Amino acid sequence: MNTSFAYIRPLLRCTVLASVLALAACASTPPPTEELAAAQLSVARAGDADADQYAPQDLAQARRALEQAQAAMANQRSDEARTLALSASALADLAHARARQAATDSELAARRAEIT
């Protein structure tokens, strides 16, 4: 009587496939700590550039988005936290740029006044 091992190969394939799928399902994206740190740095940089004076709405939106990102991170919603952190960074960079532009425009106006 010959014993056949032909039934083991499909069973082995199914087991390996199930293991791979289980591992893939358990894998999750890492928490967005780098994005949150970058957003905090961008908001601080905008604040240092007097965005409170020259671009208060943009800076307020950036701070709100950063707070929401931190809350989402605390509630284990990594994808939402990442999106909000990136949004906060972009808004803070916009506030920084607008503050720098306003400061440059003010300096230009002062120089023109000196000339005339």
PDB file of N, CA and C in Angstrom:
ATOM      1  N   MET A   1       0.827  -1.147   0.000  1.00  0.00           N
ATOM      2  CA  MET A   1       0.000   0.000   0.000  1.00  0.00           C
ATOM      3  C   MET A   1       0.896   1.244   0.000  1.00  0.00           C
ATOM      4  N   ASN A   2       0.716   2.064  -0.997  1.00  0.00           N
ATOM      5  CA  ASN A   2       1.478   3.295  -1.145  1.00  0.00           C
ATOM      6  C   ASN A   2       0.762   4.442  -0.435  1.00  0.00           C
ATOM      7  N   THR A   3       1.477   5.141   0.445  1.00  0.00           N
ATOM      8  CA  THR A   3       0.910   6.298   1.116  1.00  0.00           C
ATOM      9  C   THR A   3       1.212   7.520   0.267  1.00  0.00           C
ATOM     10  N   SER A   4       0.197   8.320  -0.019  1.00  0.00           N
ATOM     11  CA  SER A   4       0.371   9.498  -0.864  1.00  0.00           C
ATOM     12  C   SER A   4       0.448  10.761  -0.007  1.00  0.00           C
ATOM     13  N   PHE A   5       1.431  11.561  -0.340  1.00  0.00           N
ATOM     14  CA  PHE A   5       1.576  12.837   0.355  1.00  0.00           C
ATOM     15  C   PHE A   5       1.063  13.990  -0.503  1.00  0.00           C
ATOM     16  N   ALA A   6       0.307  13.683  -1.510  1.00  0.00           N
ATOM     17  CA  ALA A   6      -0.197  14.709  -2.420  1.00  0.00           C
ATOM     18  C   ALA A   6      -1.142  15.678  -1.718  1.00  0.00           C
ATOM     19  N   TYR A   7      -1.840  15.252  -0.719  1.00  0.00           N
ATOM     20  CA  TYR A   7      -2.780  16.130  -0.028  1.00  0.00           C
ATOM     21  C   TYR A   7      -2.067  17.130   0.896  1.00  0.00           C
ATOM     22  N   ILE A   8      -0.811  16.908   1.221  1.00  0.00           N
ATOM     23  CA  ILE A   8      -0.069  17.788   2.129  1.00  0.00           C
ATOM     24  C   ILE A   8       0.306  19.099   1.438  1.00  0.00           C
ATOM     25  N   ARG A   9       0.661  19.064   0.188  1.00  0.00           N
ATOM     26  CA  ARG A   9       1.095  20.267  -0.519  1.00  0.00           C
ATOM     27  C   ARG A   9       0.008  21.346  -0.542  1.00  0.00           C
ATOM     28  N   PRO A  10      -1.242  21.078  -0.940  1.00  0.00           N
ATOM     29  CA  PRO A  10      -2.266  22.128  -0.883  1.00  0.00           C
ATOM     30  C   PRO A  10      -2.545  22.598   0.546  1.00  0.00           C
ATOM     31  N   LEU A  11      -2.490  21.677   1.475  1.00  0.00           N
ATOM     32  CA  LEU A  11      -2.703  22.042   2.878  1.00  0.00           C
ATOM     33  C   LEU A  11      -1.588  22.972   3.356  1.00  0.00           C
ATOM     34  N   LEU A  12      -0.357  22.681   2.958  1.00  0.00           N
ATOM     35  CA  LEU A  12       0.777  23.518   3.326  1.00  0.00           C
ATOM     36  C   LEU A  12       0.645  24.901   2.697  1.00  0.00           C
ATOM     37  N   ARG A  13       0.237  24.979   1.457  1.00  0.00           N
ATOM     38  CA  ARG A  13       0.033  26.271   0.780  1.00  0.00           C
ATOM     39  C   ARG A  13      -1.036  27.093   1.490  1.00  0.00           C
ATOM     40  N   CYS A  14      -2.120  26.459   1.850  1.00  0.00           N
ATOM     41  CA  CYS A  14      -3.201  27.167   2.542  1.00  0.00           C
ATOM     42  C   CYS A  14      -2.732  27.682   3.895  1.00  0.00           C
ATOM     43  N   THR A  15      -1.946  26.887   4.596  1.00  0.00           N
ATOM     44  CA  THR A  15      -1.437  27.293   5.906  1.00  0.00           C
ATOM     45  C   THR A  15      -0.493  28.484   5.772  1.00  0.00           C
ATOM     46  N   VAL A  16       0.395  28.422   4.799  1.00  0.00           N
ATOM     47  CA  VAL A  16       1.332  29.525   4.577  1.00  0.00           C
ATOM     48  C   VAL A  16       0.574  30.783   4.167  1.00  0.00           C
ATOM     49  N   LEU A  17      -0.387  30.662   3.280  1.00  0.00           N
ATOM     50  CA  LEU A  17      -1.183  31.814   2.843  1.00  0.00           C
ATOM     51  C   LEU A  17      -1.956  32.417   4.010  1.00  0.00           C
ATOM     52  N   ALA A  18      -2.547  31.575   4.838  1.00  0.00           N
ATOM     53  CA  ALA A  18      -3.294  32.074   5.998  1.00  0.00           C
ATOM     54  C   ALA A  18      -2.360  32.789   6.977  1.00  0.00           C
ATOM     55  N   SER A  19      -1.156  32.274   7.149  1.00  0.00           N
ATOM     56  CA  SER A  19      -0.190  32.910   8.046  1.00  0.00           C
ATOM     57  C   SER A  19       0.234  34.278   7.523  1.00  0.00           C
ATOM     58  N   VAL A  20       0.488  34.348   6.233  1.00  0.00           N
ATOM     59  CA  VAL A  20       0.887  35.619   5.628  1.00  0.00           C
ATOM     60  C   VAL A  20      -0.242  36.638   5.741  1.00  0.00           C
ATOM     61  N   LEU A  21      -1.462  36.230   5.470  1.00  0.00           N
ATOM     62  CA  LEU A  21      -2.598  37.142   5.582  1.00  0.00           C
ATOM     63  C   LEU A  21      -2.821  37.597   7.018  1.00  0.00           C
ATOM     64  N   ALA A  22      -2.636  36.715   7.962  1.00  0.00           N
ATOM     65  CA  ALA A  22      -2.799  37.080   9.375  1.00  0.00           C
ATOM     66  C   ALA A  22      -1.736  38.090   9.796  1.00  0.00           C
ATOM     67  N   LEU A  23      -0.517  37.885   9.356  1.00  0.00           N
ATOM     68  CA  LEU A  23       0.546  38.834   9.687  1.00  0.00           C
ATOM     69  C   LEU A  23       0.307  40.185   9.033  1.00  0.00           C
ATOM     70  N   ALA A  24      -0.176  40.180   7.805  1.00  0.00           N
ATOM     71  CA  ALA A  24      -0.457  41.436   7.113  1.00  0.00           C
ATOM     72  C   ALA A  24      -1.605  42.182   7.791  1.00  0.00           C
ATOM     73  N   ALA A  25      -2.585  41.464   8.272  1.00  0.00           N
ATOM     74  CA  ALA A  25      -3.711  42.105   8.946  1.00  0.00           C
ATOM     75  C   ALA A  25      -3.286  42.702  10.275  1.00  0.00           C
ATOM     76  N   CYS A  26      -2.339  42.090  10.944  1.00  0.00           N
ATOM     77  CA  CYS A  26      -1.878  42.600  12.233  1.00  0.00           C
ATOM     78  C   CYS A  26      -0.941  43.787  12.076  1.00  0.00           C
ATOM     79  N   ALA A  27      -0.296  43.907  10.954  1.00  0.00           N
ATOM     80  CA  ALA A  27       0.638  45.002  10.742  1.00  0.00           C
ATOM     81  C   ALA A  27      -0.130  46.305  10.603  1.00  0.00           C
ATOM     82  N   SER A  28       0.354  47.327  11.276  1.00  0.00           N
ATOM     83  CA  SER A  28      -0.286  48.632  11.179  1.00  0.00           C
ATOM     84  C   SER A  28       0.785  49.672  10.916  1.00  0.00           C
ATOM     85  N   THR A  29       0.338  50.828  10.502  1.00  0.00           N
ATOM     86  CA  THR A  29       1.283  51.894  10.236  1.00  0.00           C
ATOM     87  C   THR A  29       1.822  52.425  11.556  1.00  0.00           C
ATOM     88  N   PRO A  30       3.062  52.845  11.563  1.00  0.00           N
ATOM     89  CA  PRO A  30       3.636  53.359  12.813  1.00  0.00           C
ATOM     90  C   PRO A  30       2.960  54.678  13.204  1.00  0.00           C
ATOM     91  N   PRO A  31       2.988  55.027  14.471  1.00  0.00           N
ATOM     92  CA  PRO A  31       2.364  56.279  14.893  1.00  0.00           C
ATOM     93  C   PRO A  31       3.081  57.475  14.263  1.00  0.00           C
ATOM     94  N   PRO A  32       2.353  58.527  14.005  1.00  0.00           N
ATOM     95  CA  PRO A  32       2.927  59.680  13.289  1.00  0.00           C
ATOM     96  C   PRO A  32       3.702  60.630  14.205  1.00  0.00           C
ATOM     97  N   THR A  33       4.652  60.118  14.947  1.00  0.00           N
ATOM     98  CA  THR A  33       5.397  60.966  15.875  1.00  0.00           C
ATOM     99  C   THR A  33       6.262  61.989  15.140  1.00  0.00           C
ATOM    100  N   GLU A  34       6.841  61.590  14.016  1.00  0.00           N
ATOM    101  CA  GLU A  34       7.670  62.530  13.249  1.00  0.00           C
ATOM    102  C   GLU A  34       6.826  63.662  12.689  1.00  0.00           C
ATOM    103  N   GLU A  35       5.641  63.334  12.187  1.00  0.00           N
ATOM    104  CA  GLU A  35       4.764  64.354  11.626  1.00  0.00           C
ATOM    105  C   GLU A  35       4.300  65.329  12.708  1.00  0.00           C
ATOM    106  N   LEU A  36       3.999  64.790  13.904  1.00  0.00           N
ATOM    107  CA  LEU A  36       3.585  65.661  15.010  1.00  0.00           C
ATOM    108  C   LEU A  36       4.732  66.574  15.447  1.00  0.00           C
ATOM    109  N   ALA A  37       5.929  66.034  15.502  1.00  0.00           N
ATOM    110  CA  ALA A  37       7.081  66.855  15.881  1.00  0.00           C
ATOM    111  C   ALA A  37       7.338  67.948  14.853  1.00  0.00           C
ATOM    112  N   ALA A  38       7.210  67.604  13.580  1.00  0.00           N
ATOM    113  CA  ALA A  38       7.408  68.592  12.524  1.00  0.00           C
ATOM    114  C   ALA A  38       6.333  69.674  12.590  1.00  0.00           C
ATOM    115  N   ALA A  39       5.104  69.280  12.889  1.00  0.00           N
ATOM    116  CA  ALA A  39       4.019  70.256  12.999  1.00  0.00           C
ATOM    117  C   ALA A  39       4.254  71.195  14.174  1.00  0.00           C
ATOM    118  N   GLN A  40       4.696  70.640  15.306  1.00  0.00           N
ATOM    119  CA  GLN A  40       4.990  71.491  16.465  1.00  0.00           C
ATOM    120  C   GLN A  40       6.107  72.473  16.156  1.00  0.00           C
ATOM    121  N   LEU A  41       7.117  72.009  15.453  1.00  0.00           N
ATOM    122  CA  LEU A  41       8.233  72.874  15.080  1.00  0.00           C
ATOM    123  C   LEU A  41       7.772  73.972  14.125  1.00  0.00           C
ATOM    124  N   SER A  42       6.926  73.628  13.163  1.00  0.00           N
ATOM    125  CA  SER A  42       6.421  74.617  12.211  1.00  0.00           C
ATOM    126  C   SER A  42       5.568  75.673  12.896  1.00  0.00           C
ATOM    127  N   VAL A  43       4.722  75.257  13.831  1.00  0.00           N
ATOM    128  CA  VAL A  43       3.880  76.209  14.560  1.00  0.00           C
ATOM    129  C   VAL A  43       4.752  77.133  15.405  1.00  0.00           C
ATOM    130  N   ALA A  44       5.765  76.577  16.051  1.00  0.00           N
ATOM    131  CA  ALA A  44       6.670  77.401  16.857  1.00  0.00           C
ATOM    132  C   ALA A  44       7.443  78.387  15.984  1.00  0.00           C
ATOM    133  N   ARG A  45       7.869  77.922  14.834  1.00  0.00           N
ATOM    134  CA  ARG A  45       8.620  78.799  13.916  1.00  0.00           C
ATOM    135  C   ARG A  45       7.740  79.935  13.412  1.00  0.00           C
ATOM    136  N   ALA A  46       6.478  79.629  13.133  1.00  0.00           N
ATOM    137  CA  ALA A  46       5.553  80.673  12.688  1.00  0.00           C
ATOM    138  C   ALA A  46       5.307  81.675  13.814  1.00  0.00           C
ATOM    139  N   GLY A  47       5.195  81.190  15.023  1.00  0.00           N
ATOM    140  CA  GLY A  47       5.018  82.094  16.157  1.00  0.00           C
ATOM    141  C   GLY A  47       6.223  82.996  16.357  1.00  0.00           C
ATOM    142  N   ASP A  48       7.423  82.459  16.146  1.00  0.00           N
ATOM    143  CA  ASP A  48       8.644  83.258  16.266  1.00  0.00           C
ATOM    144  C   ASP A  48       8.748  84.311  15.175  1.00  0.00           C
ATOM    145  N   ALA A  49       8.072  84.099  14.053  1.00  0.00           N
ATOM    146  CA  ALA A  49       8.115  85.042  12.931  1.00  0.00           C
ATOM    147  C   ALA A  49       6.993  86.070  13.015  1.00  0.00           C
ATOM    148  N   ASP A  50       6.395  86.211  14.202  1.00  0.00           N
ATOM    149  CA  ASP A  50       5.315  87.186  14.433  1.00  0.00           C
ATOM    150  C   ASP A  50       4.078  86.911  13.596  1.00  0.00           C
ATOM    151  N   ALA A  51       3.787  85.647  13.380  1.00  0.00           N
ATOM    152  CA  ALA A  51       2.575  85.290  12.643  1.00  0.00           C
ATOM    153  C   ALA A  51       1.328  85.645  13.440  1.00  0.00           C
ATOM    154  N   ASP A  52       1.456  85.754  14.772  1.00  0.00           N
ATOM    155  CA  ASP A  52       0.318  86.189  15.587  1.00  0.00           C
ATOM    156  C   ASP A  52      -0.148  87.581  15.164  1.00  0.00           C
ATOM    157  N   GLN A  53       0.787  88.394  14.733  1.00  0.00           N
ATOM    158  CA  GLN A  53       0.458  89.755  14.325  1.00  0.00           C
ATOM    159  C   GLN A  53       0.081  89.837  12.851  1.00  0.00           C
ATOM    160  N   TYR A  54       0.837  89.144  12.003  1.00  0.00           N
ATOM    161  CA  TYR A  54       0.666  89.315  10.560  1.00  0.00           C
ATOM    162  C   TYR A  54      -0.253  88.282   9.905  1.00  0.00           C
ATOM    163  N   ALA A  55      -0.388  87.114  10.473  1.00  0.00           N
ATOM    164  CA  ALA A  55      -1.241  86.064   9.891  1.00  0.00           C
ATOM    165  C   ALA A  55      -1.952  85.303  11.009  1.00  0.00           C
ATOM    166  N   PRO A  56      -2.781  85.992  11.789  1.00  0.00           N
ATOM    167  CA  PRO A  56      -3.374  85.334  12.961  1.00  0.00           C
ATOM    168  C   PRO A  56      -4.347  84.203  12.617  1.00  0.00           C
ATOM    169  N   GLN A  57      -5.102  84.341  11.526  1.00  0.00           N
ATOM    170  CA  GLN A  57      -6.061  83.290  11.166  1.00  0.00           C
ATOM    171  C   GLN A  57      -5.348  82.007  10.771  1.00  0.00           C
ATOM    172  N   ASP A  58      -4.317  82.142   9.957  1.00  0.00           N
ATOM    173  CA  ASP A  58      -3.571  80.963   9.514  1.00  0.00           C
ATOM    174  C   ASP A  58      -2.902  80.264  10.693  1.00  0.00           C
ATOM    175  N   LEU A  59      -2.331  81.044  11.592  1.00  0.00           N
ATOM    176  CA  LEU A  59      -1.671  80.457  12.748  1.00  0.00           C
ATOM    177  C   LEU A  59      -2.685  79.800  13.682  1.00  0.00           C
ATOM    178  N   ALA A  60      -3.843  80.420  13.843  1.00  0.00           N
ATOM    179  CA  ALA A  60      -4.882  79.828  14.688  1.00  0.00           C
ATOM    180  C   ALA A  60      -5.366  78.498  14.099  1.00  0.00           C
ATOM    181  N   GLN A  61      -5.523  78.436  12.780  1.00  0.00           N
ATOM    182  CA  GLN A  61      -5.926  77.187  12.128  1.00  0.00           C
ATOM    183  C   GLN A  61      -4.857  76.113  12.320  1.00  0.00           C
ATOM    184  N   ALA A  62      -3.603  76.513  12.215  1.00  0.00           N
ATOM    185  CA  ALA A  62      -2.505  75.561  12.398  1.00  0.00           C
ATOM    186  C   ALA A  62      -2.498  75.015  13.822  1.00  0.00           C
ATOM    187  N   ARG A  63      -2.698  75.886  14.785  1.00  0.00           N
ATOM    188  CA  ARG A  63      -2.724  75.442  16.185  1.00  0.00           C
ATOM    189  C   ARG A  63      -3.905  74.515  16.449  1.00  0.00           C
ATOM    190  N   ARG A  64      -5.056  74.839  15.865  1.00  0.00           N
ATOM    191  CA  ARG A  64      -6.236  73.969  16.016  1.00  0.00           C
ATOM    192  C   ARG A  64      -5.979  72.598  15.422  1.00  0.00           C
ATOM    193  N   ALA A  65      -5.410  72.571  14.217  1.00  0.00           N
ATOM    194  CA  ALA A  65      -5.117  71.298  13.553  1.00  0.00           C
ATOM    195  C   ALA A  65      -4.109  70.489  14.362  1.00  0.00           C
ATOM    196  N   LEU A  66      -3.127  71.161  14.951  1.00  0.00           N
ATOM    197  CA  LEU A  66      -2.142  70.463  15.784  1.00  0.00           C
ATOM    198  C   LEU A  66      -2.801  69.881  17.027  1.00  0.00           C
ATOM    199  N   GLU A  67      -3.679  70.643  17.662  1.00  0.00           N
ATOM    200  CA  GLU A  67      -4.394  70.128  18.835  1.00  0.00           C
ATOM    201  C   GLU A  67      -5.251  68.915  18.469  1.00  0.00           C
ATOM    202  N   GLN A  68      -5.922  68.996  17.322  1.00  0.00           N
ATOM    203  CA  GLN A  68      -6.748  67.872  16.877  1.00  0.00           C
ATOM    204  C   GLN A  68      -5.886  66.659  16.557  1.00  0.00           C
ATOM    205  N   ALA A  69      -4.710  66.885  15.977  1.00  0.00           N
ATOM    206  CA  ALA A  69      -3.794  65.781  15.670  1.00  0.00           C
ATOM    207  C   ALA A  69      -3.321  65.103  16.951  1.00  0.00           C
ATOM    208  N   GLN A  70      -3.016  65.906  17.962  1.00  0.00           N
ATOM    209  CA  GLN A  70      -2.586  65.339  19.237  1.00  0.00           C
ATOM    210  C   GLN A  70      -3.718  64.562  19.901  1.00  0.00           C
ATOM    211  N   ALA A  71      -4.950  65.070  19.785  1.00  0.00           N
ATOM    212  CA  ALA A  71      -6.097  64.350  20.349  1.00  0.00           C
ATOM    213  C   ALA A  71      -6.336  63.044  19.605  1.00  0.00           C
ATOM    214  N   ALA A  72      -6.209  63.069  18.284  1.00  0.00           N
ATOM    215  CA  ALA A  72      -6.389  61.850  17.491  1.00  0.00           C
ATOM    216  C   ALA A  72      -5.306  60.831  17.834  1.00  0.00           C
ATOM    217  N   MET A  73      -4.097  61.305  18.063  1.00  0.00           N
ATOM    218  CA  MET A  73      -3.002  60.410  18.440  1.00  0.00           C
ATOM    219  C   MET A  73      -3.292  59.775  19.797  1.00  0.00           C
ATOM    220  N   ALA A  74      -3.822  60.558  20.725  1.00  0.00           N
ATOM    221  CA  ALA A  74      -4.142  60.037  22.048  1.00  0.00           C
ATOM    222  C   ALA A  74      -5.261  58.995  21.981  1.00  0.00           C
ATOM    223  N   ASN A  75      -6.130  59.109  20.983  1.00  0.00           N
ATOM    224  CA  ASN A  75      -7.246  58.172  20.812  1.00  0.00           C
ATOM    225  C   ASN A  75      -6.914  57.030  19.854  1.00  0.00           C
ATOM    226  N   GLN A  76      -5.616  56.836  19.565  1.00  0.00           N
ATOM    227  CA  GLN A  76      -5.138  55.735  18.723  1.00  0.00           C
ATOM    228  C   GLN A  76      -5.659  55.806  17.283  1.00  0.00           C
ATOM    229  N   ARG A  77      -5.904  56.987  16.768  1.00  0.00           N
ATOM    230  CA  ARG A  77      -6.331  57.157  15.368  1.00  0.00           C
ATOM    231  C   ARG A  77      -5.139  57.718  14.591  1.00  0.00           C
ATOM    232  N   SER A  78      -4.215  56.837  14.255  1.00  0.00           N
ATOM    233  CA  SER A  78      -2.944  57.245  13.658  1.00  0.00           C
ATOM    234  C   SER A  78      -3.110  57.898  12.298  1.00  0.00           C
ATOM    235  N   ASP A  79      -3.959  57.348  11.454  1.00  0.00           N
ATOM    236  CA  ASP A  79      -4.125  57.918  10.112  1.00  0.00           C
ATOM    237  C   ASP A  79      -4.681  59.337  10.186  1.00  0.00           C
ATOM    238  N   GLU A  80      -5.689  59.532  11.025  1.00  0.00           N
ATOM    239  CA  GLU A  80      -6.276  60.866  11.187  1.00  0.00           C
ATOM    240  C   GLU A  80      -5.250  61.824  11.796  1.00  0.00           C
ATOM    241  N   ALA A  81      -4.483  61.342  12.761  1.00  0.00           N
ATOM    242  CA  ALA A  81      -3.457  62.175  13.395  1.00  0.00           C
ATOM    243  C   ALA A  81      -2.402  62.592  12.381  1.00  0.00           C
ATOM    244  N   ARG A  82      -2.004  61.667  11.520  1.00  0.00           N
ATOM    245  CA  ARG A  82      -1.003  61.981  10.496  1.00  0.00           C
ATOM    246  C   ARG A  82      -1.526  63.049   9.543  1.00  0.00           C
ATOM    247  N   THR A  83      -2.762  62.898   9.090  1.00  0.00           N
ATOM    248  CA  THR A  83      -3.350  63.869   8.165  1.00  0.00           C
ATOM    249  C   THR A  83      -3.447  65.246   8.808  1.00  0.00           C
ATOM    250  N   LEU A  84      -3.907  65.284  10.045  1.00  0.00           N
ATOM    251  CA  LEU A  84      -4.040  66.560  10.743  1.00  0.00           C
ATOM    252  C   LEU A  84      -2.682  67.196  11.027  1.00  0.00           C
ATOM    253  N   ALA A  85      -1.687  66.392  11.338  1.00  0.00           N
ATOM    254  CA  ALA A  85      -0.348  66.924  11.590  1.00  0.00           C
ATOM    255  C   ALA A  85       0.241  67.526  10.321  1.00  0.00           C
ATOM    256  N   LEU A  86       0.044  66.867   9.197  1.00  0.00           N
ATOM    257  CA  LEU A  86       0.530  67.409   7.924  1.00  0.00           C
ATOM    258  C   LEU A  86      -0.194  68.701   7.575  1.00  0.00           C
ATOM    259  N   SER A  87      -1.490  68.736   7.859  1.00  0.00           N
ATOM    260  CA  SER A  87      -2.264  69.950   7.624  1.00  0.00           C
ATOM    261  C   SER A  87      -1.771  71.084   8.521  1.00  0.00           C
ATOM    262  N   ALA A  88      -1.505  70.778   9.776  1.00  0.00           N
ATOM    263  CA  ALA A  88      -0.997  71.791  10.704  1.00  0.00           C
ATOM    264  C   ALA A  88       0.348  72.332  10.234  1.00  0.00           C
ATOM    265  N   SER A  89       1.205  71.461   9.738  1.00  0.00           N
ATOM    266  CA  SER A  89       2.504  71.902   9.222  1.00  0.00           C
ATOM    267  C   SER A  89       2.343  72.834   8.039  1.00  0.00           C
ATOM    268  N   ALA A  90       1.462  72.464   7.125  1.00  0.00           N
ATOM    269  CA  ALA A  90       1.239  73.294   5.935  1.00  0.00           C
ATOM    270  C   ALA A  90       0.668  74.655   6.320  1.00  0.00           C
ATOM    271  N   LEU A  91      -0.300  74.671   7.228  1.00  0.00           N
ATOM    272  CA  LEU A  91      -0.900  75.936   7.654  1.00  0.00           C
ATOM    273  C   LEU A  91       0.114  76.803   8.400  1.00  0.00           C
ATOM    274  N   ALA A  92       0.936  76.190   9.218  1.00  0.00           N
ATOM    275  CA  ALA A  92       1.959  76.946   9.941  1.00  0.00           C
ATOM    276  C   ALA A  92       3.007  77.505   8.979  1.00  0.00           C
ATOM    277  N   ASP A  93       3.368  76.726   7.967  1.00  0.00           N
ATOM    278  CA  ASP A  93       4.314  77.228   6.963  1.00  0.00           C
ATOM    279  C   ASP A  93       3.712  78.390   6.185  1.00  0.00           C
ATOM    280  N   LEU A  94       2.421  78.314   5.896  1.00  0.00           N
ATOM    281  CA  LEU A  94       1.741  79.420   5.219  1.00  0.00           C
ATOM    282  C   LEU A  94       1.738  80.667   6.106  1.00  0.00           C
ATOM    283  N   ALA A  95       1.430  80.490   7.391  1.00  0.00           N
ATOM    284  CA  ALA A  95       1.436  81.621   8.321  1.00  0.00           C
ATOM    285  C   ALA A  95       2.830  82.227   8.416  1.00  0.00           C
ATOM    286  N   HIS A  96       3.851  81.378   8.452  1.00  0.00           N
ATOM    287  CA  HIS A  96       5.232  81.857   8.504  1.00  0.00           C
ATOM    288  C   HIS A  96       5.568  82.671   7.262  1.00  0.00           C
ATOM    289  N   ALA A  97       5.193  82.162   6.098  1.00  0.00           N
ATOM    290  CA  ALA A  97       5.482  82.861   4.845  1.00  0.00           C
ATOM    291  C   ALA A  97       4.755  84.203   4.783  1.00  0.00           C
ATOM    292  N   ARG A  98       3.495  84.220   5.206  1.00  0.00           N
ATOM    293  CA  ARG A  98       2.744  85.476   5.187  1.00  0.00           C
ATOM    294  C   ARG A  98       3.315  86.481   6.188  1.00  0.00           C
ATOM    295  N   ALA A  99       3.774  86.003   7.322  1.00  0.00           N
ATOM    296  CA  ALA A  99       4.380  86.897   8.307  1.00  0.00           C
ATOM    297  C   ALA A  99       5.683  87.474   7.778  1.00  0.00           C
ATOM    298  N   ARG A 100       6.490  86.644   7.161  1.00  0.00           N
ATOM    299  CA  ARG A 100       7.747  87.133   6.575  1.00  0.00           C
ATOM    300  C   ARG A 100       7.474  88.129   5.460  1.00  0.00           C
ATOM    301  N   GLN A 101       6.448  87.852   4.644  1.00  0.00           N
ATOM    302  CA  GLN A 101       6.105  88.778   3.561  1.00  0.00           C
ATOM    303  C   GLN A 101       5.646  90.115   4.139  1.00  0.00           C
ATOM    304  N   ALA A 102       4.824  90.085   5.162  1.00  0.00           N
ATOM    305  CA  ALA A 102       4.336  91.324   5.764  1.00  0.00           C
ATOM    306  C   ALA A 102       5.482  92.109   6.394  1.00  0.00           C
ATOM    307  N   ALA A 103       6.396  91.413   7.045  1.00  0.00           N
ATOM    308  CA  ALA A 103       7.539  92.091   7.643  1.00  0.00           C
ATOM    309  C   ALA A 103       8.423  92.711   6.563  1.00  0.00           C
ATOM    310  N   THR A 104       8.611  92.010   5.472  1.00  0.00           N
ATOM    311  CA  THR A 104       9.414  92.532   4.365  1.00  0.00           C
ATOM    312  C   THR A 104       8.729  93.721   3.716  1.00  0.00           C
ATOM    313  N   ASP A 105       7.417  93.634   3.526  1.00  0.00           N
ATOM    314  CA  ASP A 105       6.671  94.765   2.963  1.00  0.00           C
ATOM    315  C   ASP A 105       6.754  95.990   3.868  1.00  0.00           C
ATOM    316  N   SER A 106       6.688  95.772   5.167  1.00  0.00           N
ATOM    317  CA  SER A 106       6.787  96.869   6.127  1.00  0.00           C
ATOM    318  C   SER A 106       8.169  97.519   6.069  1.00  0.00           C
ATOM    319  N   GLU A 107       9.184  96.696   5.983  1.00  0.00           N
ATOM    320  CA  GLU A 107      10.548  97.217   5.879  1.00  0.00           C
ATOM    321  C   GLU A 107      10.748  97.972   4.572  1.00  0.00           C
ATOM    322  N   LEU A 108      10.178  97.454   3.494  1.00  0.00           N
ATOM    323  CA  LEU A 108      10.270  98.134   2.206  1.00  0.00           C
ATOM    324  C   LEU A 108       9.579  99.491   2.267  1.00  0.00           C
ATOM    325  N   ALA A 109       8.421  99.559   2.887  1.00  0.00           N
ATOM    326  CA  ALA A 109       7.699 100.824   3.003  1.00  0.00           C
ATOM    327  C   ALA A 109       8.515 101.825   3.831  1.00  0.00           C
ATOM    328  N   ALA A 110       9.177 101.352   4.879  1.00  0.00           N
ATOM    329  CA  ALA A 110       9.988 102.239   5.707  1.00  0.00           C
ATOM    330  C   ALA A 110      11.178 102.762   4.910  1.00  0.00           C
ATOM    331  N   ARG A 111      11.801 101.916   4.109  1.00  0.00           N
ATOM    332  CA  ARG A 111      12.945 102.358   3.284  1.00  0.00           C
ATOM    333  C   ARG A 111      12.501 103.378   2.240  1.00  0.00           C
ATOM    334  N   ARG A 112      11.330 103.125   1.645  1.00  0.00           N
ATOM    335  CA  ARG A 112      10.821 104.077   0.649  1.00  0.00           C
ATOM    336  C   ARG A 112      10.503 105.423   1.299  1.00  0.00           C
ATOM    337  N   ALA A 113      10.006 105.370   2.523  1.00  0.00           N
ATOM    338  CA  ALA A 113       9.703 106.620   3.229  1.00  0.00           C
ATOM    339  C   ALA A 113      10.989 107.391   3.535  1.00  0.00           C
ATOM    340  N   GLU A 114      12.051 106.669   3.846  1.00  0.00           N
ATOM    341  CA  GLU A 114      13.324 107.324   4.090  1.00  0.00           C
ATOM    342  C   GLU A 114      13.855 108.018   2.842  1.00  0.00           C
ATOM    343  N   ILE A 115      13.650 107.374   1.710  1.00  0.00           N
ATOM    344  CA  ILE A 115      14.163 107.921   0.455  1.00  0.00           C
ATOM    345  C   ILE A 115      13.431 109.205   0.083  1.00  0.00           C
ATOM    346  N   THR A 116      12.124 109.200   0.265  1.00  0.00           N
ATOM    347  CA  THR A 116      11.344 110.390  -0.108  1.00  0.00           C
ATOM    348  C   THR A 116      11.362 111.368   1.011  1.00  0.00           C
TER     349      THR A 116
END
